[in-house]
Protein backbone atom coordinates (compact mmCIF):
# COMPACT_ATOMS: atom_id res chain seq x y z
CA MET A 1 12.97 61.46 69.51
CA LYS A 2 15.22 60.40 72.37
CA ILE A 3 13.31 60.27 75.66
CA ILE A 4 14.42 60.21 79.30
CA ILE A 5 11.79 58.53 81.49
CA ASN A 6 11.98 59.92 85.03
CA GLY A 7 10.15 57.67 87.47
CA SER A 8 10.60 54.73 85.13
CA ASN A 9 9.89 51.99 87.68
CA GLY A 10 6.46 53.33 88.55
CA ARG A 11 3.26 52.17 86.88
CA MET A 12 3.09 55.20 84.60
CA GLY A 13 6.79 55.13 83.81
CA LYS A 14 6.49 51.54 82.69
CA ALA A 15 3.45 52.40 80.57
CA VAL A 16 5.42 55.21 78.87
CA ALA A 17 8.22 52.74 78.12
CA ARG A 18 5.75 50.32 76.51
CA PHE A 19 4.27 53.03 74.27
CA ILE A 20 7.76 54.19 73.25
CA GLU A 21 8.71 50.63 72.30
CA GLN A 22 5.75 50.61 69.90
CA ASP A 23 6.59 53.99 68.36
CA SER A 24 9.14 54.00 65.55
CA ASP A 25 9.70 57.75 66.01
CA MET A 26 10.81 57.45 69.64
CA SER A 27 13.36 55.66 71.77
CA ALA A 28 14.00 55.62 75.51
CA VAL A 29 17.64 56.57 76.10
CA ALA A 30 17.54 56.66 79.90
CA PHE A 31 15.44 55.13 82.68
CA VAL A 32 15.65 57.06 85.95
CA ASP A 33 14.16 56.04 89.30
CA ILE A 34 15.09 56.32 92.98
CA ASN A 35 14.24 52.63 93.11
CA ASN A 36 17.04 51.70 90.75
CA VAL A 37 16.38 47.97 90.65
CA ALA A 38 16.19 47.22 86.94
CA ALA A 39 12.77 46.05 85.82
CA SER A 40 14.29 44.84 82.55
CA ASP A 41 17.69 44.51 80.89
CA ASP A 42 17.89 48.32 80.64
CA PRO A 43 20.10 50.08 83.21
CA ILE A 44 18.28 52.27 85.75
CA TYR A 45 19.90 55.54 86.82
CA GLU A 46 19.21 56.56 90.40
CA ASN A 47 19.57 60.27 89.62
CA LEU A 48 18.93 62.33 86.50
CA THR A 49 22.39 63.86 86.79
CA ASP A 50 23.91 60.40 86.28
CA PHE A 51 22.81 60.49 82.64
CA THR A 52 24.93 62.71 80.40
CA GLY A 53 23.91 61.42 76.97
CA GLU A 54 21.80 63.16 74.35
CA ALA A 55 18.05 63.53 74.81
CA ASP A 56 15.21 65.45 73.16
CA CYS A 57 12.73 65.40 76.04
CA ILE A 58 12.19 64.27 79.64
CA ILE A 59 8.88 62.66 80.56
CA ASP A 60 8.48 62.94 84.33
CA PHE A 61 6.25 60.55 86.26
CA SER A 62 8.25 60.66 89.50
CA HIS A 63 6.88 62.79 92.38
CA HIS A 64 6.15 66.48 92.76
CA THR A 65 8.81 66.78 95.49
CA CYS A 66 11.42 66.03 92.79
CA THR A 67 10.40 69.13 90.80
CA GLU A 68 13.32 71.34 91.78
CA GLY A 69 16.01 68.81 90.84
CA LEU A 70 14.17 67.86 87.65
CA LEU A 71 13.98 71.46 86.45
CA GLU A 72 17.56 72.28 87.42
CA TYR A 73 18.74 69.33 85.31
CA ALA A 74 16.44 70.15 82.38
CA VAL A 75 17.45 73.81 82.30
CA SER A 76 21.17 73.09 82.70
CA ARG A 77 21.04 70.71 79.73
CA ASN A 78 18.44 72.67 77.73
CA ILE A 79 16.12 69.66 77.47
CA PRO A 80 12.33 70.14 77.15
CA VAL A 81 10.32 68.48 79.91
CA VAL A 82 6.81 67.04 80.24
CA ILE A 83 5.75 67.16 83.90
CA CYS A 84 3.07 64.57 84.65
CA THR A 85 3.15 64.65 88.46
CA THR A 86 0.41 66.31 90.52
CA ALA A 87 -0.20 67.97 93.92
CA HIS A 88 2.51 70.62 93.43
CA THR A 89 2.95 73.32 96.04
CA ASP A 90 2.74 77.00 95.08
CA GLU A 91 6.53 77.15 95.35
CA GLU A 92 6.94 74.22 92.95
CA LYS A 93 4.47 75.77 90.50
CA ALA A 94 6.54 78.96 90.59
CA MET A 95 9.64 76.89 89.76
CA ILE A 96 7.83 75.41 86.77
CA LYS A 97 6.84 78.86 85.49
CA ALA A 98 10.40 80.14 85.94
CA ALA A 99 11.89 77.17 84.07
CA ALA A 100 9.44 77.76 81.21
CA GLU A 101 11.17 81.06 80.55
CA LYS A 102 14.29 79.11 79.57
CA ILE A 103 13.09 75.79 78.11
CA PRO A 104 9.84 74.32 76.74
CA VAL A 105 7.81 72.98 79.69
CA PHE A 106 4.58 71.01 79.34
CA PHE A 107 2.49 70.86 82.50
CA SER A 108 -1.14 69.86 83.00
CA ALA A 109 -3.23 68.78 85.98
CA ASN A 110 -4.44 65.91 83.81
CA MET A 111 -2.56 64.34 80.90
CA SER A 112 -5.69 62.92 79.26
CA LEU A 113 -6.48 64.22 75.79
CA GLY A 114 -10.12 63.40 76.51
CA ILE A 115 -10.15 65.71 79.55
CA ALA A 116 -8.60 68.45 77.43
CA VAL A 117 -11.46 68.14 74.93
CA MET A 118 -13.97 68.05 77.80
CA ASN A 119 -12.49 71.22 79.29
CA GLU A 120 -13.01 73.11 76.02
CA ILE A 121 -16.60 71.85 75.73
CA CYS A 122 -17.34 72.95 79.31
CA LYS A 123 -16.01 76.44 78.64
CA THR A 124 -18.18 76.70 75.54
CA ALA A 125 -21.24 75.57 77.52
CA ALA A 126 -20.53 78.04 80.33
CA LYS A 127 -20.36 80.82 77.74
CA MET A 128 -23.62 79.75 76.09
CA PHE A 129 -25.48 79.48 79.43
CA PRO A 130 -24.10 82.34 81.55
CA SER A 131 -26.79 82.05 84.26
CA ALA A 132 -26.86 78.26 84.60
CA ASN A 133 -26.04 76.41 87.82
CA ILE A 134 -22.84 74.38 87.43
CA GLU A 135 -21.82 71.40 89.55
CA ILE A 136 -18.76 69.13 89.22
CA ILE A 137 -18.69 65.55 90.50
CA GLU A 138 -15.46 63.55 90.55
CA LYS A 139 -15.01 59.89 91.51
CA HIS A 140 -11.75 58.06 92.25
CA HIS A 141 -10.40 54.96 93.98
CA ASN A 142 -10.34 54.82 97.76
CA GLN A 143 -6.56 55.30 98.00
CA LYS A 144 -6.45 58.72 96.31
CA LEU A 145 -5.01 61.36 98.62
CA ASP A 146 -5.97 64.76 97.20
CA VAL A 147 -9.50 66.17 97.46
CA PRO A 148 -10.84 67.49 95.18
CA SER A 149 -8.92 66.01 92.29
CA GLY A 150 -6.58 68.22 90.31
CA THR A 151 -8.71 67.49 87.26
CA ALA A 152 -11.88 68.76 88.95
CA LEU A 153 -10.04 71.98 89.76
CA LEU A 154 -8.73 72.15 86.18
CA LEU A 155 -12.31 71.97 84.88
CA ALA A 156 -13.48 74.55 87.43
CA ASP A 157 -10.59 76.85 86.49
CA GLY A 158 -11.58 76.55 82.83
CA ILE A 159 -15.14 77.59 83.64
CA LYS A 160 -13.82 80.43 85.80
CA GLU A 161 -12.06 81.81 82.71
CA ILE A 162 -15.55 82.34 81.31
CA ARG A 163 -17.08 83.34 84.67
CA PRO A 164 -14.42 85.38 86.51
CA ALA A 165 -16.74 85.93 89.49
CA ALA A 166 -17.17 82.18 90.08
CA VAL A 167 -16.63 80.91 93.62
CA TYR A 168 -15.83 77.25 94.33
CA ASN A 169 -17.91 75.49 96.98
CA ILE A 170 -15.96 72.33 97.74
CA GLY A 171 -18.00 69.61 99.39
CA ARG A 172 -20.92 71.90 100.30
CA HIS A 173 -20.88 71.15 104.02
CA GLU A 174 -22.94 74.06 105.36
CA ASN A 175 -26.65 74.92 105.20
CA GLY A 176 -27.78 77.69 102.88
CA LYS A 177 -28.90 78.42 99.35
CA ARG A 178 -26.39 78.23 96.52
CA THR A 179 -25.30 81.58 95.13
CA ASP A 180 -25.43 82.57 91.47
CA GLU A 181 -21.60 82.59 91.32
CA GLU A 182 -21.16 79.18 92.91
CA ILE A 183 -19.53 76.17 91.27
CA GLY A 184 -20.07 73.10 93.46
CA ILE A 185 -17.29 70.50 93.49
CA HIS A 186 -18.00 67.08 95.01
CA SER A 187 -15.58 64.18 95.59
CA LEU A 188 -16.39 60.48 95.91
CA ARG A 189 -13.79 57.89 96.94
CA MET A 190 -14.64 54.22 96.48
CA GLY A 191 -13.28 50.88 95.31
CA ASN A 192 -10.82 50.94 92.41
CA VAL A 193 -12.43 53.65 90.27
CA VAL A 194 -9.73 54.92 87.90
CA GLY A 195 -11.33 58.32 87.48
CA GLU A 196 -14.66 59.84 86.50
CA HIS A 197 -15.44 63.54 86.05
CA GLU A 198 -18.85 64.98 85.28
CA VAL A 199 -19.84 68.62 84.82
CA ILE A 200 -23.57 69.25 85.15
CA ILE A 201 -24.99 72.50 83.76
CA ASN A 202 -28.61 73.27 84.66
CA THR A 203 -30.43 76.31 83.26
CA GLY A 204 -33.75 75.60 84.98
CA THR A 205 -35.29 74.52 81.69
CA GLN A 206 -32.70 71.97 80.60
CA THR A 207 -29.67 70.06 81.86
CA LEU A 208 -26.44 69.42 80.01
CA SER A 209 -24.17 66.70 81.42
CA ILE A 210 -20.57 66.42 80.18
CA LYS A 211 -18.72 63.35 81.40
CA HIS A 212 -15.33 61.69 81.02
CA GLU A 213 -14.53 58.23 82.36
CA ALA A 214 -11.02 56.79 82.50
CA HIS A 215 -10.89 53.01 82.02
CA ASP A 216 -7.13 52.51 82.22
CA ARG A 217 -4.41 54.70 83.73
CA SER A 218 -2.26 54.12 80.66
CA LEU A 219 -4.25 56.91 78.99
CA PHE A 220 -2.06 59.34 80.95
CA ALA A 221 1.03 57.76 79.40
CA GLU A 222 -0.54 58.23 75.96
CA GLY A 223 -1.07 61.89 76.76
CA ALA A 224 2.53 62.25 77.94
CA ILE A 225 3.81 60.81 74.66
CA ALA A 226 1.60 63.24 72.71
CA ALA A 227 2.92 66.11 74.83
CA ALA A 228 6.56 65.13 74.19
CA LYS A 229 5.94 65.07 70.45
CA PHE A 230 4.19 68.44 70.70
CA LEU A 231 7.22 70.01 72.43
CA ASN A 232 9.62 68.84 69.73
CA GLY A 233 11.01 71.97 68.08
CA LYS A 234 9.04 74.38 70.29
CA ALA A 235 10.54 77.55 71.73
CA ALA A 236 10.92 78.06 75.48
CA GLY A 237 7.54 78.56 77.09
CA PHE A 238 4.78 77.09 79.23
CA TYR A 239 2.49 74.66 77.42
CA ASP A 240 -0.49 72.52 78.45
CA MET A 241 -3.21 70.36 76.91
CA THR A 242 -5.02 73.43 75.60
CA ASN A 243 -2.09 74.08 73.28
CA ILE A 244 -2.34 70.56 71.83
CA ILE A 245 -6.08 70.94 71.24
CA LYS A 246 -5.70 74.32 69.55
CA ASP A 247 -2.40 73.75 67.71
């Protein structure tokens, strides 16, 4: 597979490049970054449109504000795209959905295969214990901007598929008893924590704790590579980590 790495000079872009170098089935045909100072002997394109060669997939680790230009390029060239950025606006999410009607688009709030497995386990647990209290705790480094994390919301959304009446209580900052429909979501920001997510399910007679801990951010690059391989040969459509787990 021939891969375009968008956001190639960032930490994740560089990690993707390293994994591709070690994979005999893939090659990086273009490195694209606004900061076009070459980090190696490979040329860096400042804009996606500067690259006109052949490609089988774009792996995007740039910034969510680049979504419109990314999708316009991908659709115009009929190239599948794996979107690994976060914090998208509702307008940008609508763009992603619209593009997926024309090309294969892979988009997930978290590119970790482990989180995808965790999400499925949490949905199963919520189904098995329909009356249990559910709380989500997420921990990240002290420079993270978004609260709660997109992954915490992904896990909550998965549980909400099982419990449509669920209501998110983010940060629980007011007095009062929890409701039966409530899912509490709590955020901790400290030190250099890469990322920890724990879902606690309490029935009153027992507690089930489901936890994922990220040790190295390169796991997201691994997930992006897996997503690109998954898209190979797929029809136009919207895909996420659930599709990889169930494929």
